[in-house]
Structure formats: C-alpha cells, structure tokens
Amino acid sequence: MAAQLRRLLELAALPHVTIQVVPFGTGAHPGMEGPFLILSFPEPADPDVVYVDATMGGAYLELPADVRRYSLMFDHLRAAALKPDDSVDLIARHAEAAARADEEKGSGDR
C-alpha cells in the first residue's frame, strides 16, 4: 500500500492533477452514490456529459438537468473533502505509516 500512496503523491505534484480526500469521519457524502465522471469538451457545441459507473455497466447522461445534478454533487463532494494541500499531507502520513508497517512485518514494499 505504501507504493500506491507514494504514487498518488507523485501524481498530486503534476500541474493538471488535484487530489482531495474525503475523510471517513465526514460521514455520508454525495460520492457514496457511486463513481462518476463529468466529461467537458473545449468546443461550445459539444455539451458536457456525465458517465456513471455501475456494477452491471455504465451509462452516459447527456440531459442538461442530469449534468447539472452531477456537477452539483461534485461541488458538494469537493466542499466535504480536505483541501488539496491537506489531502497530500494526509496521504504522505499514511504512506509513511504503511512503509513502517511493511518494514516491521519484513515484507518489504509489496
């Protein structure tokens, strides 16, 4: 797990990547409904689309009301999450703890 967390830290350093963690203690939040992507395109003629992932497959939502609903969910999710710098600090602390646990078990970094 330490390697996965370190990889997240590497990605967080990229200029086009923002990582925000929603702490477990936050409780219920909009992201619990399931994974989704909001796809935005540079051309104004190409409207935003939402991709919703589910166990039996995914669905593309194109209706403006659906896109607005998921955009609002995303805004609420970002508001519930730690700030990006605080998220990176949390990930770094957990990466260090995972590395120490691996060393104590003698398992290396699997």
N, C-alpha and C. Protein backbone atom coordinates (compact mmCIF):
# COMPACT_ATOMS: atom_id res chain seq x y z
N MET A 1 0.82 -1.19 0.00
CA MET A 1 0.00 0.00 0.00
C MET A 1 0.86 1.26 0.00
N ALA A 2 2.02 1.17 0.61
CA ALA A 2 2.90 2.33 0.66
C ALA A 2 3.25 2.81 -0.75
N ALA A 3 3.50 1.87 -1.65
CA ALA A 3 3.85 2.24 -3.03
C ALA A 3 2.68 2.94 -3.72
N GLN A 4 1.48 2.47 -3.48
CA GLN A 4 0.31 3.10 -4.09
C GLN A 4 0.13 4.53 -3.58
N LEU A 5 0.33 4.71 -2.30
CA LEU A 5 0.19 6.05 -1.72
C LEU A 5 1.29 6.98 -2.22
N ARG A 6 2.51 6.46 -2.34
CA ARG A 6 3.60 7.29 -2.89
C ARG A 6 3.30 7.67 -4.34
N ARG A 7 2.68 6.77 -5.09
CA ARG A 7 2.31 7.08 -6.49
C ARG A 7 1.29 8.20 -6.52
N LEU A 8 0.32 8.17 -5.61
CA LEU A 8 -0.64 9.28 -5.53
C LEU A 8 0.08 10.60 -5.25
N LEU A 9 1.08 10.57 -4.39
CA LEU A 9 1.84 11.79 -4.09
C LEU A 9 2.57 12.29 -5.33
N GLU A 10 3.13 11.38 -6.12
CA GLU A 10 3.79 11.78 -7.37
C GLU A 10 2.79 12.44 -8.31
N LEU A 11 1.62 11.83 -8.45
CA LEU A 11 0.60 12.38 -9.34
C LEU A 11 0.09 13.73 -8.85
N ALA A 12 -0.04 13.88 -7.54
CA ALA A 12 -0.53 15.14 -6.97
C ALA A 12 0.40 16.30 -7.28
N ALA A 13 1.66 16.01 -7.55
CA ALA A 13 2.63 17.07 -7.86
C ALA A 13 2.50 17.58 -9.29
N LEU A 14 1.75 16.88 -10.13
CA LEU A 14 1.58 17.32 -11.51
C LEU A 14 0.66 18.53 -11.57
N PRO A 15 0.93 19.45 -12.49
CA PRO A 15 0.15 20.70 -12.52
C PRO A 15 -1.32 20.52 -12.90
N HIS A 16 -1.65 19.44 -13.59
CA HIS A 16 -3.03 19.22 -14.04
C HIS A 16 -3.80 18.23 -13.17
N VAL A 17 -3.23 17.88 -12.00
CA VAL A 17 -3.86 16.90 -11.12
C VAL A 17 -4.16 17.54 -9.77
N THR A 18 -5.39 17.34 -9.31
CA THR A 18 -5.80 17.77 -7.97
C THR A 18 -6.36 16.56 -7.25
N ILE A 19 -5.80 16.26 -6.10
CA ILE A 19 -6.29 15.15 -5.29
C ILE A 19 -6.86 15.71 -4.00
N GLN A 20 -8.09 15.33 -3.70
CA GLN A 20 -8.72 15.72 -2.46
C GLN A 20 -9.29 14.48 -1.80
N VAL A 21 -9.06 14.34 -0.51
CA VAL A 21 -9.51 13.19 0.26
C VAL A 21 -10.74 13.59 1.07
N VAL A 22 -11.75 12.74 1.02
CA VAL A 22 -12.91 12.91 1.90
C VAL A 22 -12.65 12.00 3.10
N PRO A 23 -12.39 12.59 4.27
CA PRO A 23 -12.11 11.77 5.45
C PRO A 23 -13.30 10.90 5.84
N PHE A 24 -13.00 9.73 6.38
CA PHE A 24 -14.04 8.80 6.79
C PHE A 24 -15.00 9.46 7.78
N GLY A 25 -14.47 10.28 8.66
CA GLY A 25 -15.28 10.93 9.69
C GLY A 25 -16.29 11.92 9.14
N THR A 26 -16.19 12.25 7.86
CA THR A 26 -17.14 13.17 7.24
C THR A 26 -18.54 12.56 7.22
N GLY A 27 -18.60 11.25 7.18
CA GLY A 27 -19.90 10.58 7.13
C GLY A 27 -20.43 10.53 5.71
N ALA A 28 -21.75 10.47 5.61
CA ALA A 28 -22.39 10.37 4.30
C ALA A 28 -22.07 11.59 3.44
N HIS A 29 -21.80 11.34 2.17
CA HIS A 29 -21.47 12.42 1.24
C HIS A 29 -21.94 12.02 -0.15
N PRO A 30 -22.01 12.97 -1.08
CA PRO A 30 -22.55 12.68 -2.42
C PRO A 30 -21.78 11.60 -3.19
N GLY A 31 -20.52 11.40 -2.90
CA GLY A 31 -19.74 10.41 -3.63
C GLY A 31 -20.09 8.98 -3.30
N MET A 32 -20.89 8.78 -2.26
CA MET A 32 -21.24 7.42 -1.86
C MET A 32 -22.22 6.77 -2.83
N GLU A 33 -22.84 7.56 -3.66
CA GLU A 33 -23.79 7.01 -4.64
C GLU A 33 -23.08 6.13 -5.64
N GLY A 34 -21.82 6.41 -5.90
CA GLY A 34 -21.03 5.61 -6.83
C GLY A 34 -20.15 6.49 -7.68
N PRO A 35 -19.21 5.88 -8.40
CA PRO A 35 -18.28 6.66 -9.22
C PRO A 35 -18.94 7.29 -10.44
N PHE A 36 -18.48 8.50 -10.74
CA PHE A 36 -18.97 9.19 -11.93
C PHE A 36 -17.90 10.11 -12.47
N LEU A 37 -17.98 10.41 -13.75
CA LEU A 37 -17.06 11.33 -14.42
C LEU A 37 -17.88 12.40 -15.12
N ILE A 38 -17.43 13.63 -15.03
CA ILE A 38 -18.05 14.70 -15.81
C ILE A 38 -17.08 15.02 -16.94
N LEU A 39 -17.51 14.77 -18.14
CA LEU A 39 -16.67 14.99 -19.31
C LEU A 39 -17.00 16.33 -19.93
N SER A 40 -16.00 17.20 -19.96
CA SER A 40 -16.17 18.53 -20.55
C SER A 40 -15.31 18.61 -21.80
N PHE A 41 -15.81 19.32 -22.79
CA PHE A 41 -15.12 19.40 -24.07
C PHE A 41 -14.81 20.87 -24.40
N PRO A 42 -13.73 21.12 -25.14
CA PRO A 42 -13.34 22.50 -25.42
C PRO A 42 -14.29 23.25 -26.34
N GLU A 43 -14.97 22.53 -27.20
CA GLU A 43 -15.87 23.18 -28.17
C GLU A 43 -17.22 23.45 -27.53
N PRO A 44 -17.70 24.69 -27.59
CA PRO A 44 -19.02 25.01 -27.02
C PRO A 44 -20.16 24.19 -27.63
N ALA A 45 -19.98 23.73 -28.85
CA ALA A 45 -21.02 22.92 -29.50
C ALA A 45 -21.12 21.52 -28.90
N ASP A 46 -20.09 21.11 -28.15
CA ASP A 46 -20.08 19.79 -27.52
C ASP A 46 -20.42 19.94 -26.04
N PRO A 47 -21.65 19.64 -25.66
CA PRO A 47 -22.04 19.84 -24.26
C PRO A 47 -21.39 18.82 -23.33
N ASP A 48 -21.34 19.17 -22.04
CA ASP A 48 -20.80 18.25 -21.04
C ASP A 48 -21.65 16.99 -20.99
N VAL A 49 -21.00 15.90 -20.61
CA VAL A 49 -21.65 14.59 -20.49
C VAL A 49 -21.19 13.99 -19.16
N VAL A 50 -22.06 13.24 -18.52
CA VAL A 50 -21.71 12.54 -17.29
C VAL A 50 -21.68 11.04 -17.59
N TYR A 51 -20.63 10.39 -17.13
CA TYR A 51 -20.56 8.93 -17.20
C TYR A 51 -20.72 8.40 -15.79
N VAL A 52 -21.72 7.55 -15.57
CA VAL A 52 -21.98 6.95 -14.27
C VAL A 52 -21.64 5.48 -14.36
N ASP A 53 -20.76 5.04 -13.47
CA ASP A 53 -20.32 3.65 -13.46
C ASP A 53 -21.19 2.85 -12.49
N ALA A 54 -21.53 1.63 -12.87
CA ALA A 54 -22.35 0.77 -12.02
C ALA A 54 -21.87 -0.67 -12.17
N THR A 55 -22.33 -1.53 -11.30
CA THR A 55 -21.91 -2.92 -11.29
C THR A 55 -22.17 -3.61 -12.62
N MET A 56 -23.30 -3.37 -13.20
CA MET A 56 -23.67 -4.05 -14.44
C MET A 56 -23.30 -3.25 -15.69
N GLY A 57 -22.52 -2.22 -15.54
CA GLY A 57 -22.11 -1.41 -16.68
C GLY A 57 -22.31 0.06 -16.39
N GLY A 58 -21.98 0.89 -17.34
CA GLY A 58 -22.08 2.32 -17.14
C GLY A 58 -23.14 2.94 -18.03
N ALA A 59 -23.37 4.21 -17.77
CA ALA A 59 -24.35 4.95 -18.56
C ALA A 59 -23.84 6.37 -18.80
N TYR A 60 -24.11 6.89 -19.96
CA TYR A 60 -23.80 8.27 -20.30
C TYR A 60 -25.08 9.09 -20.15
N LEU A 61 -24.98 10.17 -19.40
CA LEU A 61 -26.12 11.07 -19.19
C LEU A 61 -25.83 12.38 -19.90
N GLU A 62 -26.71 12.77 -20.79
CA GLU A 62 -26.49 13.96 -21.60
C GLU A 62 -27.50 15.07 -21.34
N LEU A 63 -28.60 14.76 -20.67
CA LEU A 63 -29.61 15.79 -20.42
C LEU A 63 -29.03 16.88 -19.52
N PRO A 64 -29.27 18.15 -19.86
CA PRO A 64 -28.72 19.24 -19.04
C PRO A 64 -29.07 19.12 -17.55
N ALA A 65 -30.26 18.65 -17.22
CA ALA A 65 -30.65 18.50 -15.81
C ALA A 65 -29.78 17.46 -15.10
N ASP A 66 -29.45 16.37 -15.80
CA ASP A 66 -28.59 15.34 -15.21
C ASP A 66 -27.17 15.86 -15.02
N VAL A 67 -26.66 16.57 -16.01
CA VAL A 67 -25.31 17.12 -15.92
C VAL A 67 -25.24 18.13 -14.77
N ARG A 68 -26.28 18.97 -14.64
CA ARG A 68 -26.31 19.93 -13.52
C ARG A 68 -26.33 19.22 -12.18
N ARG A 69 -27.13 18.15 -12.08
CA ARG A 69 -27.23 17.41 -10.81
C ARG A 69 -25.87 16.83 -10.42
N TYR A 70 -25.17 16.23 -11.36
CA TYR A 70 -23.86 15.64 -11.05
C TYR A 70 -22.81 16.73 -10.83
N SER A 71 -22.92 17.84 -11.51
CA SER A 71 -21.99 18.95 -11.25
C SER A 71 -22.18 19.47 -9.84
N LEU A 72 -23.42 19.55 -9.40
CA LEU A 72 -23.71 19.99 -8.03
C LEU A 72 -23.19 18.97 -7.03
N MET A 73 -23.37 17.69 -7.32
CA MET A 73 -22.83 16.64 -6.45
C MET A 73 -21.32 16.76 -6.34
N PHE A 74 -20.67 17.03 -7.47
CA PHE A 74 -19.21 17.17 -7.46
C PHE A 74 -18.80 18.37 -6.62
N ASP A 75 -19.51 19.47 -6.73
CA ASP A 75 -19.20 20.65 -5.92
C ASP A 75 -19.36 20.35 -4.43
N HIS A 76 -20.40 19.63 -4.07
CA HIS A 76 -20.61 19.26 -2.67
C HIS A 76 -19.53 18.30 -2.18
N LEU A 77 -19.12 17.40 -3.04
CA LEU A 77 -18.06 16.46 -2.71
C LEU A 77 -16.74 17.19 -2.46
N ARG A 78 -16.42 18.14 -3.32
CA ARG A 78 -15.19 18.93 -3.12
C ARG A 78 -15.25 19.74 -1.84
N ALA A 79 -16.44 20.25 -1.51
CA ALA A 79 -16.60 21.03 -0.28
C ALA A 79 -16.43 20.15 0.96
N ALA A 80 -16.83 18.89 0.88
CA ALA A 80 -16.71 17.97 2.02
C ALA A 80 -15.28 17.46 2.19
N ALA A 81 -14.49 17.54 1.12
CA ALA A 81 -13.13 16.99 1.13
C ALA A 81 -12.15 17.96 1.79
N LEU A 82 -11.02 17.39 2.18
CA LEU A 82 -9.91 18.22 2.66
C LEU A 82 -9.40 19.07 1.50
N LYS A 83 -8.77 20.18 1.82
CA LYS A 83 -8.12 21.00 0.79
C LYS A 83 -7.01 20.16 0.15
N PRO A 84 -6.63 20.48 -1.08
CA PRO A 84 -5.59 19.67 -1.75
C PRO A 84 -4.30 19.52 -0.94
N ASP A 85 -3.79 20.61 -0.36
CA ASP A 85 -2.54 20.50 0.41
C ASP A 85 -2.72 19.62 1.64
N ASP A 86 -3.87 19.75 2.31
CA ASP A 86 -4.14 18.91 3.47
C ASP A 86 -4.31 17.44 3.06
N SER A 87 -4.89 17.22 1.90
CA SER A 87 -5.05 15.86 1.39
C SER A 87 -3.69 15.23 1.12
N VAL A 88 -2.78 15.98 0.51
CA VAL A 88 -1.44 15.47 0.23
C VAL A 88 -0.72 15.16 1.54
N ASP A 89 -0.86 16.02 2.54
CA ASP A 89 -0.24 15.77 3.84
C ASP A 89 -0.78 14.48 4.46
N LEU A 90 -2.08 14.28 4.38
CA LEU A 90 -2.70 13.07 4.93
C LEU A 90 -2.19 11.83 4.21
N ILE A 91 -2.13 11.89 2.90
CA ILE A 91 -1.63 10.75 2.11
C ILE A 91 -0.18 10.46 2.48
N ALA A 92 0.63 11.50 2.63
CA ALA A 92 2.04 11.32 2.99
C ALA A 92 2.18 10.65 4.36
N ARG A 93 1.36 11.07 5.31
CA ARG A 93 1.41 10.46 6.65
C ARG A 93 1.04 8.97 6.58
N HIS A 94 0.02 8.67 5.80
CA HIS A 94 -0.39 7.26 5.67
C HIS A 94 0.64 6.45 4.89
N ALA A 95 1.30 7.06 3.92
CA ALA A 95 2.36 6.36 3.17
C ALA A 95 3.52 6.01 4.10
N GLU A 96 3.89 6.95 4.96
CA GLU A 96 4.98 6.69 5.92
C GLU A 96 4.58 5.59 6.90
N ALA A 97 3.35 5.64 7.39
CA ALA A 97 2.89 4.61 8.32
C ALA A 97 2.85 3.24 7.66
N ALA A 98 2.41 3.19 6.41
CA ALA A 98 2.35 1.92 5.68
C ALA A 98 3.76 1.38 5.44
N ALA A 99 4.70 2.26 5.13
CA ALA A 99 6.09 1.82 4.91
C ALA A 99 6.67 1.26 6.20
N ARG A 100 6.40 1.93 7.33
CA ARG A 100 6.89 1.43 8.63
C ARG A 100 6.28 0.06 8.94
N ALA A 101 4.99 -0.09 8.68
CA ALA A 101 4.33 -1.38 8.94
C ALA A 101 4.92 -2.48 8.07
N ASP A 102 5.22 -2.15 6.81
CA ASP A 102 5.84 -3.13 5.93
C ASP A 102 7.21 -3.54 6.46
N GLU A 103 7.99 -2.58 6.92
CA GLU A 103 9.32 -2.86 7.46
C GLU A 103 9.22 -3.73 8.70
N GLU A 104 8.25 -3.45 9.57
CA GLU A 104 8.09 -4.23 10.80
C GLU A 104 7.71 -5.67 10.48
N LYS A 105 6.90 -5.86 9.45
CA LYS A 105 6.49 -7.20 9.04
C LYS A 105 7.60 -7.89 8.25
N GLY A 106 8.57 -7.10 7.79
CA GLY A 106 9.63 -7.66 6.98
C GLY A 106 9.18 -8.03 5.57
N SER A 107 8.07 -7.44 5.17
CA SER A 107 7.51 -7.80 3.87
C SER A 107 8.03 -6.93 2.74
N GLY A 108 8.81 -5.92 3.05
CA GLY A 108 9.25 -5.02 2.01
C GLY A 108 8.09 -4.17 1.54
N ASP A 109 8.05 -3.85 0.25
CA ASP A 109 7.01 -2.98 -0.30
C ASP A 109 6.27 -3.74 -1.40
N ARG A 110 5.30 -4.51 -1.02
CA ARG A 110 4.56 -5.35 -1.97
C ARG A 110 3.39 -4.64 -2.52
